[in-house]
Amino acid sequence: MSKTSTKGICRFCQRVFSKAAMTRHLETCTQRTEATATGNQRATKTTRLVHLLVEGRDQPQYWMHLELPAEATLQTLDDFLRRTWLECCGHLSKFEIAGVSYASYPDREFGDKSMRVQVGTILSPGQQFFHEYDYGTPTELRLKVVAVREGEAKGKSIPVLARNEAPLISCQVCGKPATEVCAQCIYEGGGWLCDACAEEHECGEEMLLPVVNSPRVGMCGYTGPA
């Protein structure tokens, strides 16, 4: 599949923007500003909130804006990314931040550190870092700190501020919307199939996976969010 640009929906006003425009929009969205002000007024406790843009490192058409409390750990962020975009078989994962590896199961001999570190202690506005899930059939993500603000504390929840709409992918045989992808042919840039054409695909039914809105589509045994 080619790296097509995608648009996404703002959680607050439901308007549609491109990825770049969404980053700018979220800074000035009236509905978000009102929701933030209301939350801060009723809050008994506030905290620093870290706004992240996450995208597929090699598939940037998949993206989302998140916000998490600064005291949340990398492990909490890893769990969220797994549930939302990645988890299929309990694979290992890691973050790469400023040359340091923070792993789900750290190997001290290789200098790995634990993910049990608060994001607010290691991240700052404008900083870019990476996440990798499954070292054998990896899905890599690029993350960027868009902003940090003071806001209402909501525990460990990680709300999605905006997310890309599912890319429109055509069946490589007939041109209809693809619903299945071949886990073998995807490595050659193909394998996108509609239901009818999937029945005739030479690699067999056991190689087919559903088309889902995730940068892990077609990889390993991924069938969608947990």
C-alpha atoms as a PDB file:
ATOM      1  CA  MET A   1       0.000   0.000   0.000  1.00  0.00           C
ATOM      2  CA  SER A   2       1.330   3.430  -0.897  1.00  0.00           C
ATOM      3  CA  LYS A   3       1.886   6.011   1.822  1.00  0.00           C
ATOM      4  CA  THR A   4      -1.241   8.060   1.220  1.00  0.00           C
ATOM      5  CA  SER A   5      -2.120  11.021   3.408  1.00  0.00           C
ATOM      6  CA  THR A   6      -5.159  10.646   5.629  1.00  0.00           C
ATOM      7  CA  LYS A   7      -7.511  12.984   7.426  1.00  0.00           C
ATOM      8  CA  GLY A   8      -8.824  12.608  10.942  1.00  0.00           C
ATOM      9  CA  ILE A   9     -11.648  13.728  13.225  1.00  0.00           C
ATOM     10  CA  CYS A  10     -11.264  16.084  16.183  1.00  0.00           C
ATOM     11  CA  ARG A  11     -12.795  14.483  19.272  1.00  0.00           C
ATOM     12  CA  PHE A  12     -14.121  17.822  20.513  1.00  0.00           C
ATOM     13  CA  CYS A  13     -15.761  19.488  17.505  1.00  0.00           C
ATOM     14  CA  GLN A  14     -15.989  16.498  15.124  1.00  0.00           C
ATOM     15  CA  ARG A  15     -14.425  18.510  12.303  1.00  0.00           C
ATOM     16  CA  VAL A  16     -12.136  16.790   9.806  1.00  0.00           C
ATOM     17  CA  PHE A  17      -8.544  17.873   9.190  1.00  0.00           C
ATOM     18  CA  SER A  18      -5.317  16.553   7.706  1.00  0.00           C
ATOM     19  CA  LYS A  19      -2.640  15.392  10.144  1.00  0.00           C
ATOM     20  CA  ALA A  20      -0.654  18.626   9.933  1.00  0.00           C
ATOM     21  CA  ALA A  21      -3.767  20.798  10.146  1.00  0.00           C
ATOM     22  CA  MET A  22      -5.063  18.777  13.113  1.00  0.00           C
ATOM     23  CA  THR A  23      -1.958  19.601  15.132  1.00  0.00           C
ATOM     24  CA  ARG A  24      -2.617  23.308  14.574  1.00  0.00           C
ATOM     25  CA  HIS A  25      -6.372  22.957  15.086  1.00  0.00           C
ATOM     26  CA  LEU A  26      -6.092  21.314  18.493  1.00  0.00           C
ATOM     27  CA  GLU A  27      -4.212  24.370  19.760  1.00  0.00           C
ATOM     28  CA  THR A  28      -7.179  26.643  18.996  1.00  0.00           C
ATOM     29  CA  CYS A  29     -10.266  24.377  18.926  1.00  0.00           C
ATOM     30  CA  THR A  30     -13.026  26.318  20.698  1.00  0.00           C
ATOM     31  CA  GLN A  31     -14.763  23.205  21.990  1.00  0.00           C
ATOM     32  CA  ARG A  32     -11.516  21.821  23.369  1.00  0.00           C
ATOM     33  CA  THR A  33     -10.728  25.142  25.042  1.00  0.00           C
ATOM     34  CA  GLU A  34     -14.183  25.187  26.653  1.00  0.00           C
ATOM     35  CA  ALA A  35     -13.914  21.557  27.788  1.00  0.00           C
ATOM     36  CA  THR A  36     -10.477  22.234  29.245  1.00  0.00           C
ATOM     37  CA  ALA A  37     -11.675  25.326  31.113  1.00  0.00           C
ATOM     38  CA  THR A  38     -14.678  23.453  32.529  1.00  0.00           C
ATOM     39  CA  GLY A  39     -12.494  20.566  33.645  1.00  0.00           C
ATOM     40  CA  ASN A  40      -9.986  22.859  35.316  1.00  0.00           C
ATOM     41  CA  GLN A  41     -12.749  24.722  37.188  1.00  0.00           C
ATOM     42  CA  ARG A  42     -14.207  21.553  38.693  1.00  0.00           C
ATOM     43  CA  ALA A  43     -10.879  19.855  39.312  1.00  0.00           C
ATOM     44  CA  THR A  44      -9.836  19.202  42.891  1.00  0.00           C
ATOM     45  CA  LYS A  45      -6.377  18.363  41.591  1.00  0.00           C
ATOM     46  CA  THR A  46      -4.458  19.408  38.500  1.00  0.00           C
ATOM     47  CA  THR A  47      -1.390  17.910  36.901  1.00  0.00           C
ATOM     48  CA  ARG A  48       0.875  18.395  33.918  1.00  0.00           C
ATOM     49  CA  LEU A  49      -0.558  16.783  30.786  1.00  0.00           C
ATOM     50  CA  VAL A  50       1.649  15.676  27.897  1.00  0.00           C
ATOM     51  CA  HIS A  51       0.209  15.963  24.367  1.00  0.00           C
ATOM     52  CA  LEU A  52       1.686  13.401  21.953  1.00  0.00           C
ATOM     53  CA  LEU A  53       1.367  12.874  18.209  1.00  0.00           C
ATOM     54  CA  VAL A  54       1.884   9.189  17.380  1.00  0.00           C
ATOM     55  CA  GLU A  55       2.264   7.821  13.848  1.00  0.00           C
ATOM     56  CA  GLY A  56       3.515   4.756  12.037  1.00  0.00           C
ATOM     57  CA  ARG A  57       7.227   5.269  11.414  1.00  0.00           C
ATOM     58  CA  ASP A  58       6.996   3.724   7.943  1.00  0.00           C
ATOM     59  CA  GLN A  59       3.220   4.162   7.592  1.00  0.00           C
ATOM     60  CA  PRO A  60       2.535   7.762   8.646  1.00  0.00           C
ATOM     61  CA  GLN A  61      -1.005   7.588   7.254  1.00  0.00           C
ATOM     62  CA  TYR A  62      -1.880   5.987  10.605  1.00  0.00           C
ATOM     63  CA  TRP A  63      -1.769   8.603  13.366  1.00  0.00           C
ATOM     64  CA  MET A  64      -3.415   9.835  16.531  1.00  0.00           C
ATOM     65  CA  HIS A  65      -3.119  12.632  19.064  1.00  0.00           C
ATOM     66  CA  LEU A  66      -3.057  11.582  22.726  1.00  0.00           C
ATOM     67  CA  GLU A  67      -2.828  13.271  26.094  1.00  0.00           C
ATOM     68  CA  LEU A  68      -1.516  11.587  29.221  1.00  0.00           C
ATOM     69  CA  PRO A  69      -0.558  12.778  32.706  1.00  0.00           C
ATOM     70  CA  ALA A  70       3.119  13.533  33.230  1.00  0.00           C
ATOM     71  CA  GLU A  71       3.227  11.078  36.135  1.00  0.00           C
ATOM     72  CA  ALA A  72       2.056   8.203  33.904  1.00  0.00           C
ATOM     73  CA  THR A  73       4.818   5.729  33.125  1.00  0.00           C
ATOM     74  CA  LEU A  74       6.152   4.552  29.795  1.00  0.00           C
ATOM     75  CA  GLN A  75       4.631   1.206  30.723  1.00  0.00           C
ATOM     76  CA  THR A  76       1.176   2.824  30.830  1.00  0.00           C
ATOM     77  CA  LEU A  77       1.790   4.349  27.390  1.00  0.00           C
ATOM     78  CA  ASP A  78       3.071   1.013  26.071  1.00  0.00           C
ATOM     79  CA  ASP A  79      -0.065  -0.740  27.355  1.00  0.00           C
ATOM     80  CA  PHE A  80      -2.251   1.852  25.610  1.00  0.00           C
ATOM     81  CA  LEU A  81      -0.414   1.504  22.294  1.00  0.00           C
ATOM     82  CA  ARG A  82      -0.698  -2.275  22.503  1.00  0.00           C
ATOM     83  CA  ARG A  83      -4.448  -2.198  23.197  1.00  0.00           C
ATOM     84  CA  THR A  84      -5.191   0.412  20.556  1.00  0.00           C
ATOM     85  CA  TRP A  85      -2.883  -0.487  17.677  1.00  0.00           C
ATOM     86  CA  LEU A  86      -0.495  -3.372  18.226  1.00  0.00           C
ATOM     87  CA  GLU A  87      -1.222  -6.350  20.466  1.00  0.00           C
ATOM     88  CA  CYS A  88      -1.437  -9.734  18.785  1.00  0.00           C
ATOM     89  CA  CYS A  89       0.745 -12.331  20.515  1.00  0.00           C
ATOM     90  CA  GLY A  90       2.271 -10.731  23.613  1.00  0.00           C
ATOM     91  CA  HIS A  91       5.507  -9.715  21.893  1.00  0.00           C
ATOM     92  CA  LEU A  92       8.282  -7.675  23.499  1.00  0.00           C
ATOM     93  CA  SER A  93       8.397  -3.911  22.997  1.00  0.00           C
ATOM     94  CA  LYS A  94      10.620  -0.940  23.722  1.00  0.00           C
ATOM     95  CA  PHE A  95      10.897   2.833  23.531  1.00  0.00           C
ATOM     96  CA  GLU A  96      14.010   4.579  22.214  1.00  0.00           C
ATOM     97  CA  ILE A  97      14.370   7.991  23.867  1.00  0.00           C
ATOM     98  CA  ALA A  98      17.484  10.148  23.520  1.00  0.00           C
ATOM     99  CA  GLY A  99      19.608   7.105  22.779  1.00  0.00           C
ATOM    100  CA  VAL A 100      18.288   5.088  25.728  1.00  0.00           C
ATOM    101  CA  SER A 101      16.214   1.901  25.369  1.00  0.00           C
ATOM    102  CA  TYR A 102      13.289   1.431  27.780  1.00  0.00           C
ATOM    103  CA  ALA A 103      12.114  -2.166  27.332  1.00  0.00           C
ATOM    104  CA  SER A 104       9.099  -4.204  28.437  1.00  0.00           C
ATOM    105  CA  TYR A 105      11.580  -6.841  29.658  1.00  0.00           C
ATOM    106  CA  PRO A 106      14.854  -4.926  30.027  1.00  0.00           C
ATOM    107  CA  ASP A 107      18.147  -6.682  29.361  1.00  0.00           C
ATOM    108  CA  ARG A 108      20.648  -4.960  31.629  1.00  0.00           C
ATOM    109  CA  GLU A 109      23.588  -6.415  29.682  1.00  0.00           C
ATOM    110  CA  PHE A 110      22.494  -4.347  26.675  1.00  0.00           C
ATOM    111  CA  GLY A 111      21.862  -1.232  28.747  1.00  0.00           C
ATOM    112  CA  ASP A 112      18.057  -1.453  28.680  1.00  0.00           C
ATOM    113  CA  LYS A 113      16.086   0.436  31.306  1.00  0.00           C
ATOM    114  CA  SER A 114      12.658  -0.313  32.732  1.00  0.00           C
ATOM    115  CA  MET A 115       9.496   1.293  31.351  1.00  0.00           C
ATOM    116  CA  ARG A 116       8.498   2.093  34.925  1.00  0.00           C
ATOM    117  CA  VAL A 117       9.616   5.689  34.569  1.00  0.00           C
ATOM    118  CA  GLN A 118       7.307   8.705  34.518  1.00  0.00           C
ATOM    119  CA  VAL A 119       7.020  10.347  31.106  1.00  0.00           C
ATOM    120  CA  GLY A 120       7.258  13.821  32.629  1.00  0.00           C
ATOM    121  CA  THR A 121      10.783  13.118  33.859  1.00  0.00           C
ATOM    122  CA  ILE A 122      12.215  12.230  30.435  1.00  0.00           C
ATOM    123  CA  LEU A 123      10.083  14.034  27.818  1.00  0.00           C
ATOM    124  CA  SER A 124       9.900  17.711  26.870  1.00  0.00           C
ATOM    125  CA  PRO A 125       8.024  19.756  24.220  1.00  0.00           C
ATOM    126  CA  GLY A 126       9.286  19.194  20.686  1.00  0.00           C
ATOM    127  CA  GLN A 127      11.074  15.960  21.574  1.00  0.00           C
ATOM    128  CA  GLN A 128      10.804  13.014  19.175  1.00  0.00           C
ATOM    129  CA  PHE A 129      11.162   9.366  20.181  1.00  0.00           C
ATOM    130  CA  PHE A 130      10.285   5.890  18.949  1.00  0.00           C
ATOM    131  CA  HIS A 131       8.425   2.728  19.932  1.00  0.00           C
ATOM    132  CA  GLU A 132       8.915  -0.777  18.572  1.00  0.00           C
ATOM    133  CA  TYR A 133       6.563  -3.720  19.097  1.00  0.00           C
ATOM    134  CA  ASP A 134       7.648  -7.276  18.170  1.00  0.00           C
ATOM    135  CA  TYR A 135      11.340  -7.548  17.344  1.00  0.00           C
ATOM    136  CA  GLY A 136      10.727 -10.382  14.859  1.00  0.00           C
ATOM    137  CA  THR A 137       7.955  -8.781  12.786  1.00  0.00           C
ATOM    138  CA  PRO A 138       8.300  -5.229  14.056  1.00  0.00           C
ATOM    139  CA  THR A 139       5.824  -2.392  13.951  1.00  0.00           C
ATOM    140  CA  GLU A 140       7.606   0.890  14.632  1.00  0.00           C
ATOM    141  CA  LEU A 141       6.005   4.126  15.755  1.00  0.00           C
ATOM    142  CA  ARG A 142       7.285   7.692  15.807  1.00  0.00           C
ATOM    143  CA  LEU A 143       6.100   9.869  18.706  1.00  0.00           C
ATOM    144  CA  LYS A 144       6.495  13.604  19.222  1.00  0.00           C
ATOM    145  CA  VAL A 145       5.731  15.767  22.237  1.00  0.00           C
ATOM    146  CA  VAL A 146       3.462  18.487  20.844  1.00  0.00           C
ATOM    147  CA  ALA A 147       2.914  20.389  24.087  1.00  0.00           C
ATOM    148  CA  VAL A 148       2.715  20.181  27.869  1.00  0.00           C
ATOM    149  CA  ARG A 149      -0.039  21.960  29.815  1.00  0.00           C
ATOM    150  CA  GLU A 150      -1.555  22.101  33.280  1.00  0.00           C
ATOM    151  CA  GLY A 151      -4.972  20.456  33.465  1.00  0.00           C
ATOM    152  CA  GLU A 152      -7.499  18.312  35.293  1.00  0.00           C
ATOM    153  CA  ALA A 153      -6.101  15.087  36.722  1.00  0.00           C
ATOM    154  CA  LYS A 154      -8.043  12.044  35.492  1.00  0.00           C
ATOM    155  CA  GLY A 155      -6.019   9.173  36.871  1.00  0.00           C
ATOM    156  CA  LYS A 156      -4.086   7.113  34.356  1.00  0.00           C
ATOM    157  CA  SER A 157      -6.534   7.525  31.476  1.00  0.00           C
ATOM    158  CA  ILE A 158      -5.129   8.405  28.041  1.00  0.00           C
ATOM    159  CA  PRO A 159      -7.791  10.149  25.940  1.00  0.00           C
ATOM    160  CA  VAL A 160      -7.485  10.212  22.156  1.00  0.00           C
ATOM    161  CA  LEU A 161      -7.811  13.830  21.003  1.00  0.00           C
ATOM    162  CA  ALA A 162      -7.936  12.960  17.301  1.00  0.00           C
ATOM    163  CA  ARG A 163      -7.266   9.950  15.097  1.00  0.00           C
ATOM    164  CA  ASN A 164      -6.944   9.247  11.396  1.00  0.00           C
ATOM    165  CA  GLU A 165      -9.909   7.935   9.473  1.00  0.00           C
ATOM    166  CA  ALA A 166      -9.301   4.482   8.012  1.00  0.00           C
ATOM    167  CA  PRO A 167      -7.393   4.728   4.710  1.00  0.00           C
ATOM    168  CA  LEU A 168      -9.347   3.733   1.616  1.00  0.00           C
ATOM    169  CA  ILE A 169      -7.565   0.664   0.232  1.00  0.00           C
ATOM    170  CA  SER A 170      -8.664  -1.017  -2.988  1.00  0.00           C
ATOM    171  CA  CYS A 171      -8.624  -4.702  -3.854  1.00  0.00           C
ATOM    172  CA  GLN A 172      -5.607  -5.282  -6.104  1.00  0.00           C
ATOM    173  CA  VAL A 173      -7.674  -7.596  -8.306  1.00  0.00           C
ATOM    174  CA  CYS A 174     -11.000  -5.851  -8.907  1.00  0.00           C
ATOM    175  CA  GLY A 175     -10.696  -2.401  -7.332  1.00  0.00           C
ATOM    176  CA  LYS A 176     -13.476  -2.830  -4.767  1.00  0.00           C
ATOM    177  CA  PRO A 177     -12.772  -1.876  -1.122  1.00  0.00           C
ATOM    178  CA  ALA A 178     -10.270  -4.295   0.414  1.00  0.00           C
ATOM    179  CA  THR A 179     -11.408  -6.209   3.487  1.00  0.00           C
ATOM    180  CA  GLU A 180      -8.581  -8.760   3.771  1.00  0.00           C
ATOM    181  CA  VAL A 181      -4.806  -8.624   3.366  1.00  0.00           C
ATOM    182  CA  CYS A 182      -2.386 -11.481   2.755  1.00  0.00           C
ATOM    183  CA  ALA A 183       0.295 -11.646   5.461  1.00  0.00           C
ATOM    184  CA  GLN A 184       2.743 -12.985   2.862  1.00  0.00           C
ATOM    185  CA  CYS A 185       2.042 -10.732  -0.124  1.00  0.00           C
ATOM    186  CA  ILE A 186       2.016  -7.547   1.979  1.00  0.00           C
ATOM    187  CA  TYR A 187       5.822  -7.716   2.135  1.00  0.00           C
ATOM    188  CA  GLU A 188       5.870  -7.280  -1.636  1.00  0.00           C
ATOM    189  CA  GLY A 189       3.521  -4.300  -1.460  1.00  0.00           C
ATOM    190  CA  GLY A 190       0.358  -6.217  -2.401  1.00  0.00           C
ATOM    191  CA  GLY A 191      -2.113  -8.700  -1.006  1.00  0.00           C
ATOM    192  CA  TRP A 192      -5.062  -6.314  -0.537  1.00  0.00           C
ATOM    193  CA  LEU A 193      -8.277  -8.159  -1.395  1.00  0.00           C
ATOM    194  CA  CYS A 194     -12.062  -7.860  -1.222  1.00  0.00           C
ATOM    195  CA  ASP A 195     -14.091 -10.748   0.210  1.00  0.00           C
ATOM    196  CA  ALA A 196     -14.781 -12.297  -3.195  1.00  0.00           C
ATOM    197  CA  CYS A 197     -11.208 -12.117  -4.489  1.00  0.00           C
ATOM    198  CA  ALA A 198      -9.825 -13.345  -1.159  1.00  0.00           C
ATOM    199  CA  GLU A 199     -11.581 -16.670  -1.733  1.00  0.00           C
ATOM    200  CA  GLU A 200      -9.495 -17.207  -4.869  1.00  0.00           C
ATOM    201  CA  HIS A 201      -6.164 -15.981  -3.475  1.00  0.00           C
ATOM    202  CA  GLU A 202      -3.346 -18.441  -4.106  1.00  0.00           C
ATOM    203  CA  CYS A 203      -1.690 -18.145  -0.680  1.00  0.00           C
ATOM    204  CA  GLY A 204      -4.728 -19.642   1.052  1.00  0.00           C
ATOM    205  CA  GLU A 205      -7.235 -18.565   3.666  1.00  0.00           C
ATOM    206  CA  GLU A 206      -4.812 -19.170   6.554  1.00  0.00           C
ATOM    207  CA  MET A 207      -2.631 -16.274   5.349  1.00  0.00           C
ATOM    208  CA  LEU A 208      -5.461 -13.719   5.342  1.00  0.00           C
ATOM    209  CA  LEU A 209      -5.910 -11.044   7.992  1.00  0.00           C
ATOM    210  CA  PRO A 210      -8.635  -8.370   8.260  1.00  0.00           C
ATOM    211  CA  VAL A 211      -7.957  -4.843   7.031  1.00  0.00           C
ATOM    212  CA  VAL A 212      -7.897  -2.687  10.174  1.00  0.00           C
ATOM    213  CA  ASN A 213      -7.064   0.941  10.945  1.00  0.00           C
ATOM    214  CA  SER A 214      -3.609   0.340  12.400  1.00  0.00           C
ATOM    215  CA  PRO A 215       0.033   0.453  11.270  1.00  0.00           C
ATOM    216  CA  ARG A 216       0.211  -3.232  12.249  1.00  0.00           C
ATOM    217  CA  VAL A 217      -2.338  -4.245   9.612  1.00  0.00           C
ATOM    218  CA  GLY A 218      -1.301  -7.472   7.891  1.00  0.00           C
ATOM    219  CA  MET A 219       1.488  -8.242  10.362  1.00  0.00           C
ATOM    220  CA  CYS A 220       1.890 -11.475  12.353  1.00  0.00           C
ATOM    221  CA  GLY A 221      -1.588 -12.384  13.652  1.00  0.00           C
ATOM    222  CA  TYR A 222      -2.970  -8.889  14.221  1.00  0.00           C
ATOM    223  CA  THR A 223      -6.749  -8.706  13.798  1.00  0.00           C
ATOM    224  CA  GLY A 224      -7.604  -5.405  15.477  1.00  0.00           C
ATOM    225  CA  PRO A 225      -7.664  -3.667  18.864  1.00  0.00           C
ATOM    226  CA  ALA A 226      -7.921  -5.736  22.027  1.00  0.00           C
END
